[in-house]
PDB file of N, CA and C in Angstrom:
ATOM      1  N   UNK A   1     179.507  14.434 278.508  1.00  0.00           N
ATOM      2  CA  UNK A   1     179.469  13.509 277.409  1.00  0.00           C
ATOM      3  C   UNK A   1     178.002  13.214 277.084  1.00  0.00           C
ATOM      4  N   UNK A   2     177.616  13.296 275.815  1.00  0.00           N
ATOM      5  CA  UNK A   2     176.214  13.084 275.453  1.00  0.00           C
ATOM      6  C   UNK A   2     175.800  11.612 275.535  1.00  0.00           C
ATOM      7  N   UNK A   3     174.521  11.428 275.745  1.00  0.00           N
ATOM      8  CA  UNK A   3     173.934  10.087 275.779  1.00  0.00           C
ATOM      9  C   UNK A   3     173.165   9.877 274.488  1.00  0.00           C
ATOM     10  N   UNK A   4     173.419   8.749 273.847  1.00  0.00           N
ATOM     11  CA  UNK A   4     172.751   8.419 272.590  1.00  0.00           C
ATOM     12  C   UNK A   4     171.862   7.199 272.793  1.00  0.00           C
ATOM     13  N   UNK A   5     170.769   7.155 272.059  1.00  0.00           N
ATOM     14  CA  UNK A   5     169.840   6.023 272.142  1.00  0.00           C
ATOM     15  C   UNK A   5     169.977   5.169 270.877  1.00  0.00           C
ATOM     16  N   UNK A   6     170.042   3.862 271.063  1.00  0.00           N
ATOM     17  CA  UNK A   6     170.188   2.911 269.961  1.00  0.00           C
ATOM     18  C   UNK A   6     169.082   1.871 270.038  1.00  0.00           C
ATOM     19  N   UNK A   7     168.714   1.325 268.865  1.00  0.00           N
ATOM     20  CA  UNK A   7     167.747   0.222 268.816  1.00  0.00           C
ATOM     21  C   UNK A   7     168.156  -0.733 267.696  1.00  0.00           C
ATOM     22  N   UNK A   8     167.610  -1.946 267.735  1.00  0.00           N
ATOM     23  CA  UNK A   8     167.963  -2.980 266.762  1.00  0.00           C
ATOM     24  C   UNK A   8     167.479  -2.617 265.366  1.00  0.00           C
ATOM     25  N   UNK A   9     168.306  -2.914 264.361  1.00  0.00           N
ATOM     26  CA  UNK A   9     167.883  -2.709 262.973  1.00  0.00           C
ATOM     27  C   UNK A   9     166.863  -3.767 262.570  1.00  0.00           C
ATOM     28  N   UNK A  10     167.064  -4.991 263.026  1.00  0.00           N
ATOM     29  CA  UNK A  10     166.155  -6.096 262.722  1.00  0.00           C
ATOM     30  C   UNK A  10     165.633  -6.671 264.033  1.00  0.00           C
ATOM     31  N   UNK A  11     164.428  -6.275 264.473  1.00  0.00           N
ATOM     32  CA  UNK A  11     163.904  -6.722 265.769  1.00  0.00           C
ATOM     33  C   UNK A  11     163.751  -8.237 265.894  1.00  0.00           C
ATOM     34  N   UNK A  12     163.598  -8.941 264.770  1.00  0.00           N
ATOM     35  CA  UNK A  12     163.420 -10.388 264.841  1.00  0.00           C
ATOM     36  C   UNK A  12     164.694 -11.121 265.235  1.00  0.00           C
ATOM     37  N   UNK A  13     165.855 -10.564 264.878  1.00  0.00           N
ATOM     38  CA  UNK A  13     167.132 -11.203 265.204  1.00  0.00           C
ATOM     39  C   UNK A  13     167.889 -10.393 266.246  1.00  0.00           C
ATOM     40  N   UNK A  14     167.236 -10.094 267.355  1.00  0.00           N
ATOM     41  CA  UNK A  14     167.881  -9.293 268.397  1.00  0.00           C
ATOM     42  C   UNK A  14     167.451  -9.777 269.775  1.00  0.00           C
ATOM     43  N   UNK A  15     168.142  -9.279 270.782  1.00  0.00           N
ATOM     44  CA  UNK A  15     167.820  -9.628 272.162  1.00  0.00           C
ATOM     45  C   UNK A  15     166.863  -8.581 272.742  1.00  0.00           C
ATOM     46  N   UNK A  16     166.259  -8.834 273.897  1.00  0.00           N
ATOM     47  CA  UNK A  16     165.361  -7.843 274.514  1.00  0.00           C
ATOM     48  C   UNK A  16     166.051  -6.510 274.796  1.00  0.00           C
ATOM     49  N   UNK A  17     167.363  -6.516 275.034  1.00  0.00           N
ATOM     50  CA  UNK A  17     168.103  -5.283 275.318  1.00  0.00           C
ATOM     51  C   UNK A  17     168.065  -4.319 274.135  1.00  0.00           C
ATOM     52  N   UNK A  18     168.398  -4.806 272.945  1.00  0.00           N
ATOM     53  CA  UNK A  18     168.444  -3.899 271.797  1.00  0.00           C
ATOM     54  C   UNK A  18     167.090  -3.781 271.098  1.00  0.00           C
ATOM     55  N   UNK A  19     166.205  -4.735 271.287  1.00  0.00           N
ATOM     56  CA  UNK A  19     164.870  -4.648 270.703  1.00  0.00           C
ATOM     57  C   UNK A  19     164.094  -3.492 271.336  1.00  0.00           C
ATOM     58  N   UNK A  20     164.210  -3.354 272.646  1.00  0.00           N
ATOM     59  CA  UNK A  20     163.535  -2.264 273.357  1.00  0.00           C
ATOM     60  C   UNK A  20     164.297  -0.963 273.317  1.00  0.00           C
ATOM     61  N   UNK A  21     165.544  -0.999 272.911  1.00  0.00           N
ATOM     62  CA  UNK A  21     166.379   0.189 272.847  1.00  0.00           C
ATOM     63  C   UNK A  21     167.242   0.313 274.084  1.00  0.00           C
ATOM     64  N   UNK A  22     168.426   0.870 273.920  1.00  0.00           N
ATOM     65  CA  UNK A  22     169.338   1.100 275.041  1.00  0.00           C
ATOM     66  C   UNK A  22     170.083   2.399 274.809  1.00  0.00           C
ATOM     67  N   UNK A  23     170.688   2.914 275.864  1.00  0.00           N
ATOM     68  CA  UNK A  23     171.431   4.169 275.788  1.00  0.00           C
ATOM     69  C   UNK A  23     172.912   3.898 275.958  1.00  0.00           C
ATOM     70  N   UNK A  24     173.719   4.692 275.268  1.00  0.00           N
ATOM     71  CA  UNK A  24     175.169   4.585 275.366  1.00  0.00           C
ATOM     72  C   UNK A  24     175.753   5.989 275.417  1.00  0.00           C
ATOM     73  N   UNK A  25     176.794   6.156 276.210  1.00  0.00           N
ATOM     74  CA  UNK A  25     177.479   7.444 276.309  1.00  0.00           C
ATOM     75  C   UNK A  25     178.812   7.340 275.587  1.00  0.00           C
ATOM     76  N   UNK A  26     179.070   8.311 274.692  1.00  0.00           N
ATOM     77  CA  UNK A  26     180.375   8.400 274.038  1.00  0.00           C
ATOM     78  C   UNK A  26     180.554   9.818 273.524  1.00  0.00           C
ATOM     79  N   UNK A  27     181.807  10.244 273.304  1.00  0.00           N
ATOM     80  CA  UNK A  27     182.050  11.605 272.825  1.00  0.00           C
ATOM     81  C   UNK A  27     181.396  11.853 271.471  1.00  0.00           C
ATOM     82  N   UNK A  28     181.123  13.105 271.175  1.00  0.00           N
ATOM     83  CA  UNK A  28     180.502  13.477 269.909  1.00  0.00           C
ATOM     84  C   UNK A  28     181.367  13.026 268.740  1.00  0.00           C
ATOM     85  N   UNK A  29     182.664  13.216 268.839  1.00  0.00           N
ATOM     86  CA  UNK A  29     183.574  12.839 267.761  1.00  0.00           C
ATOM     87  C   UNK A  29     183.958  11.357 267.818  1.00  0.00           C
ATOM     88  N   UNK A  30     183.526  10.655 268.833  1.00  0.00           N
ATOM     89  CA  UNK A  30     183.867   9.246 268.985  1.00  0.00           C
ATOM     90  C   UNK A  30     183.082   8.353 268.036  1.00  0.00           C
ATOM     91  N   UNK A  31     183.493   7.092 267.933  1.00  0.00           N
ATOM     92  CA  UNK A  31     182.788   6.171 267.039  1.00  0.00           C
ATOM     93  C   UNK A  31     181.407   5.809 267.571  1.00  0.00           C
ATOM     94  N   UNK A  32     180.476   5.562 266.655  1.00  0.00           N
ATOM     95  CA  UNK A  32     179.120   5.146 267.031  1.00  0.00           C
ATOM     96  C   UNK A  32     179.129   3.679 267.444  1.00  0.00           C
ATOM     97  N   UNK A  33     178.126   3.305 268.202  1.00  0.00           N
ATOM     98  CA  UNK A  33     177.934   1.906 268.542  1.00  0.00           C
ATOM     99  C   UNK A  33     177.308   1.237 267.321  1.00  0.00           C
ATOM    100  N   UNK A  34     177.913   0.169 266.830  1.00  0.00           N
ATOM    101  CA  UNK A  34     177.405  -0.507 265.639  1.00  0.00           C
ATOM    102  C   UNK A  34     176.733  -1.828 265.958  1.00  0.00           C
ATOM    103  N   UNK A  35     177.082  -2.414 267.120  1.00  0.00           N
ATOM    104  CA  UNK A  35     176.520  -3.706 267.503  1.00  0.00           C
ATOM    105  C   UNK A  35     176.027  -3.652 268.938  1.00  0.00           C
ATOM    106  N   UNK A  36     175.016  -4.445 269.234  1.00  0.00           N
ATOM    107  CA  UNK A  36     174.495  -4.552 270.593  1.00  0.00           C
ATOM    108  C   UNK A  36     175.584  -5.143 271.487  1.00  0.00           C
ATOM    109  N   UNK A  37     175.814  -4.552 272.668  1.00  0.00           N
ATOM    110  CA  UNK A  37     176.853  -5.077 273.554  1.00  0.00           C
ATOM    111  C   UNK A  37     176.525  -6.458 274.118  1.00  0.00           C
ATOM    112  N   UNK A  38     175.264  -6.880 274.086  1.00  0.00           N
ATOM    113  CA  UNK A  38     174.891  -8.176 274.645  1.00  0.00           C
ATOM    114  C   UNK A  38     174.830  -9.290 273.605  1.00  0.00           C
ATOM    115  N   UNK A  39     174.201  -9.020 272.443  1.00  0.00           N
ATOM    116  CA  UNK A  39     174.009 -10.098 271.468  1.00  0.00           C
ATOM    117  C   UNK A  39     174.791  -9.898 270.173  1.00  0.00           C
ATOM    118  N   UNK A  40     175.328  -8.712 269.926  1.00  0.00           N
ATOM    119  CA  UNK A  40     176.109  -8.460 268.724  1.00  0.00           C
ATOM    120  C   UNK A  40     175.282  -8.149 267.486  1.00  0.00           C
ATOM    121  N   UNK A  41     173.968  -7.975 267.632  1.00  0.00           N
ATOM    122  CA  UNK A  41     173.109  -7.641 266.494  1.00  0.00           C
ATOM    123  C   UNK A  41     173.370  -6.204 266.045  1.00  0.00           C
ATOM    124  N   UNK A  42     173.246  -5.911 264.752  1.00  0.00           N
ATOM    125  CA  UNK A  42     173.457  -4.546 264.281  1.00  0.00           C
ATOM    126  C   UNK A  42     172.390  -3.595 264.841  1.00  0.00           C
ATOM    127  N   UNK A  43     172.828  -2.402 265.257  1.00  0.00           N
ATOM    128  CA  UNK A  43     171.922  -1.400 265.820  1.00  0.00           C
ATOM    129  C   UNK A  43     172.071  -0.086 265.069  1.00  0.00           C
ATOM    130  N   UNK A  44     171.065   0.781 265.205  1.00  0.00           N
ATOM    131  CA  UNK A  44     171.109   2.115 264.607  1.00  0.00           C
ATOM    132  C   UNK A  44     170.814   3.146 265.686  1.00  0.00           C
ATOM    133  N   UNK A  45     171.346   4.335 265.483  1.00  0.00           N
ATOM    134  CA  UNK A  45     171.111   5.418 266.436  1.00  0.00           C
ATOM    135  C   UNK A  45     169.758   6.033 266.162  1.00  0.00           C
ATOM    136  N   UNK A  46     169.010   6.296 267.227  1.00  0.00           N
ATOM    137  CA  UNK A  46     167.670   6.857 267.134  1.00  0.00           C
ATOM    138  C   UNK A  46     167.727   8.313 267.584  1.00  0.00           C
ATOM    139  N   UNK A  47     167.084   9.178 266.833  1.00  0.00           N
ATOM    140  CA  UNK A  47     167.046  10.593 267.207  1.00  0.00           C
ATOM    141  C   UNK A  47     165.934  10.786 268.233  1.00  0.00           C
ATOM    142  N   UNK A  48     166.259  11.426 269.336  1.00  0.00           N
ATOM    143  CA  UNK A  48     165.270  11.704 270.370  1.00  0.00           C
ATOM    144  C   UNK A  48     165.497  13.107 270.920  1.00  0.00           C
ATOM    145  N   UNK A  49     164.514  13.628 271.600  1.00  0.00           N
ATOM    146  CA  UNK A  49     164.584  14.992 272.132  1.00  0.00           C
ATOM    147  C   UNK A  49     165.584  15.061 273.282  1.00  0.00           C
ATOM    148  N   UNK A  50     166.426  16.085 273.316  1.00  0.00           N
ATOM    149  CA  UNK A  50     167.379  16.219 274.412  1.00  0.00           C
ATOM    150  C   UNK A  50     166.718  16.756 275.673  1.00  0.00           C
ATOM    151  N   UNK A  51     167.277  16.414 276.813  1.00  0.00           N
ATOM    152  CA  UNK A  51     166.812  16.949 278.093  1.00  0.00           C
ATOM    153  C   UNK A  51     167.769  18.087 278.460  1.00  0.00           C
ATOM    154  N   UNK A  52     167.402  19.303 278.112  1.00  0.00           N
ATOM    155  CA  UNK A  52     168.291  20.438 278.300  1.00  0.00           C
ATOM    156  C   UNK A  52     168.207  21.044 279.693  1.00  0.00           C
ATOM    157  N   UNK A  53     167.075  21.042 280.291  1.00  0.00           N
ATOM    158  CA  UNK A  53     166.933  21.641 281.605  1.00  0.00           C
ATOM    159  C   UNK A  53     165.548  21.418 282.152  1.00  0.00           C
ATOM    160  N   UNK A  54     165.393  21.765 283.348  1.00  0.00           N
ATOM    161  CA  UNK A  54     164.098  21.589 284.005  1.00  0.00           C
ATOM    162  C   UNK A  54     163.588  22.956 284.433  1.00  0.00           C
ATOM    163  N   UNK A  55     162.290  23.139 284.355  1.00  0.00           N
ATOM    164  CA  UNK A  55     161.712  24.399 284.791  1.00  0.00           C
ATOM    165  C   UNK A  55     161.495  24.366 286.298  1.00  0.00           C
ATOM    166  N   UNK A  56     161.363  25.522 286.906  1.00  0.00           N
ATOM    167  CA  UNK A  56     161.140  25.595 288.346  1.00  0.00           C
ATOM    168  C   UNK A  56     159.816  24.946 288.723  1.00  0.00           C
ATOM    169  N   UNK A  57     158.802  25.116 287.885  1.00  0.00           N
ATOM    170  CA  UNK A  57     157.504  24.511 288.192  1.00  0.00           C
ATOM    171  C   UNK A  57     157.600  22.989 288.169  1.00  0.00           C
ATOM    172  N   UNK A  58     158.431  22.450 287.292  1.00  0.00           N
ATOM    173  CA  UNK A  58     158.612  20.998 287.244  1.00  0.00           C
ATOM    174  C   UNK A  58     159.285  20.509 288.524  1.00  0.00           C
ATOM    175  N   UNK A  59     160.248  21.258 289.031  1.00  0.00           N
ATOM    176  CA  UNK A  59     160.907  20.872 290.284  1.00  0.00           C
ATOM    177  C   UNK A  59     159.923  20.908 291.440  1.00  0.00           C
ATOM    178  N   UNK A  60     159.045  21.921 291.473  1.00  0.00           N
ATOM    179  CA  UNK A  60     158.025  22.010 292.511  1.00  0.00           C
ATOM    180  C   UNK A  60     157.071  20.824 292.438  1.00  0.00           C
ATOM    181  N   UNK A  61     156.672  20.459 291.242  1.00  0.00           N
ATOM    182  CA  UNK A  61     155.752  19.341 291.065  1.00  0.00           C
ATOM    183  C   UNK A  61     156.384  18.034 291.544  1.00  0.00           C
ATOM    184  N   UNK A  62     157.652  17.814 291.160  1.00  0.00           N
ATOM    185  CA  UNK A  62     158.326  16.579 291.572  1.00  0.00           C
ATOM    186  C   UNK A  62     158.521  16.530 293.083  1.00  0.00           C
ATOM    187  N   UNK A  63     158.809  17.662 293.710  1.00  0.00           N
ATOM    188  CA  UNK A  63     158.957  17.697 295.171  1.00  0.00           C
ATOM    189  C   UNK A  63     157.631  17.402 295.852  1.00  0.00           C
ATOM    190  N   UNK A  64     156.557  17.964 295.344  1.00  0.00           N
ATOM    191  CA  UNK A  64     155.226  17.731 295.905  1.00  0.00           C
ATOM    192  C   UNK A  64     154.846  16.260 295.767  1.00  0.00           C
ATOM    193  N   UNK A  65     155.121  15.684 294.611  1.00  0.00           N
ATOM    194  CA  UNK A  65     154.802  14.287 294.360  1.00  0.00           C
ATOM    195  C   UNK A  65     155.614  13.360 295.280  1.00  0.00           C
ATOM    196  N   UNK A  66     156.816  13.773 295.660  1.00  0.00           N
ATOM    197  CA  UNK A  66     157.663  12.969 296.544  1.00  0.00           C
ATOM    198  C   UNK A  66     157.286  13.143 298.010  1.00  0.00           C
ATOM    199  N   UNK A  67     156.347  14.052 298.308  1.00  0.00           N
ATOM    200  CA  UNK A  67     155.875  14.215 299.677  1.00  0.00           C
ATOM    201  C   UNK A  67     156.505  15.361 300.446  1.00  0.00           C
ATOM    202  N   UNK A  68     157.302  16.204 299.780  1.00  0.00           N
ATOM    203  CA  UNK A  68     157.915  17.341 300.449  1.00  0.00           C
ATOM    204  C   UNK A  68     156.923  18.494 300.553  1.00  0.00           C
ATOM    205  N   UNK A  69     157.148  19.381 301.502  1.00  0.00           N
ATOM    206  CA  UNK A  69     156.309  20.553 301.708  1.00  0.00           C
ATOM    207  C   UNK A  69     157.120  21.798 301.385  1.00  0.00           C
ATOM    208  N   UNK A  70     156.532  22.747 300.665  1.00  0.00           N
ATOM    209  CA  UNK A  70     157.197  23.999 300.338  1.00  0.00           C
ATOM    210  C   UNK A  70     156.626  25.088 301.236  1.00  0.00           C
ATOM    211  N   UNK A  71     157.523  25.841 301.852  1.00  0.00           N
ATOM    212  CA  UNK A  71     157.114  26.933 302.732  1.00  0.00           C
ATOM    213  C   UNK A  71     157.519  28.263 302.121  1.00  0.00           C
ATOM    214  N   UNK A  72     156.686  29.286 302.357  1.00  0.00           N
ATOM    215  CA  UNK A  72     156.976  30.633 301.871  1.00  0.00           C
ATOM    216  C   UNK A  72     157.088  31.534 303.084  1.00  0.00           C
ATOM    217  N   UNK A  73     158.140  32.342 303.117  1.00  0.00           N
ATOM    218  CA  UNK A  73     158.354  33.240 304.257  1.00  0.00           C
ATOM    219  C   UNK A  73     157.394  34.417 304.180  1.00  0.00           C
ATOM    220  N   UNK A  74     156.637  34.653 305.270  1.00  0.00           N
ATOM    221  CA  UNK A  74     155.689  35.764 305.294  1.00  0.00           C
ATOM    222  C   UNK A  74     156.093  36.828 306.310  1.00  0.00           C
ATOM    223  N   UNK A  75     157.045  36.525 307.135  1.00  0.00           N
ATOM    224  CA  UNK A  75     157.514  37.487 308.124  1.00  0.00           C
ATOM    225  C   UNK A  75     158.746  36.930 308.824  1.00  0.00           C
ATOM    226  N   UNK A  76     159.239  37.690 309.789  1.00  0.00           N
ATOM    227  CA  UNK A  76     160.424  37.250 310.517  1.00  0.00           C
ATOM    228  C   UNK A  76     160.062  36.031 311.371  1.00  0.00           C
ATOM    229  N   UNK A  77     160.601  34.875 310.980  1.00  0.00           N
ATOM    230  CA  UNK A  77     160.327  33.653 311.711  1.00  0.00           C
ATOM    231  C   UNK A  77     158.970  33.046 311.438  1.00  0.00           C
ATOM    232  N   UNK A  78     158.229  33.593 310.466  1.00  0.00           N
ATOM    233  CA  UNK A  78     156.898  33.066 310.146  1.00  0.00           C
ATOM    234  C   UNK A  78     156.886  32.546 308.706  1.00  0.00           C
ATOM    235  N   UNK A  79     156.325  31.375 308.562  1.00  0.00           N
ATOM    236  CA  UNK A  79     156.254  30.747 307.242  1.00  0.00           C
ATOM    237  C   UNK A  79     154.846  30.240 306.991  1.00  0.00           C
ATOM    238  N   UNK A  80     154.484  30.224 305.718  1.00  0.00           N
ATOM    239  CA  UNK A  80     153.168  29.760 305.306  1.00  0.00           C
ATOM    240  C   UNK A  80     153.366  28.548 304.383  1.00  0.00           C
ATOM    241  N   UNK A  81     152.568  27.524 304.629  1.00  0.00           N
ATOM    242  CA  UNK A  81     152.658  26.316 303.833  1.00  0.00           C
ATOM    243  C   UNK A  81     152.008  26.558 302.461  1.00  0.00           C
ATOM    244  N   UNK A  82     152.752  26.278 301.363  1.00  0.00           N
ATOM    245  CA  UNK A  82     152.197  26.483 300.033  1.00  0.00           C
ATOM    246  C   UNK A  82     151.534  25.212 299.517  1.00  0.00           C
ATOM    247  N   UNK A  83     152.088  24.061 299.798  1.00  0.00           N
ATOM    248  CA  UNK A  83     151.469  22.783 299.434  1.00  0.00           C
ATOM    249  C   UNK A  83     151.960  21.707 300.322  1.00  0.00           C
TER     250      UNK A  83
END
């Protein structure tokens, strides 16, 4: 099910939830969200870039940033640290 991003049509008459924008999940053929679920202010759908997939280099970067170590096999039972 796709995730859609919504924001307030009138930022002056809205709550912090819809003023900053929020995400909602609903089927493609389903009805759009017309009001903020918290304050009832009218909202509009915002077009944003989809997250279709991640590259292998991005996964390596995120693992490195989280403190994991990547090893590369160089022989039978021997490994070399890549980062």
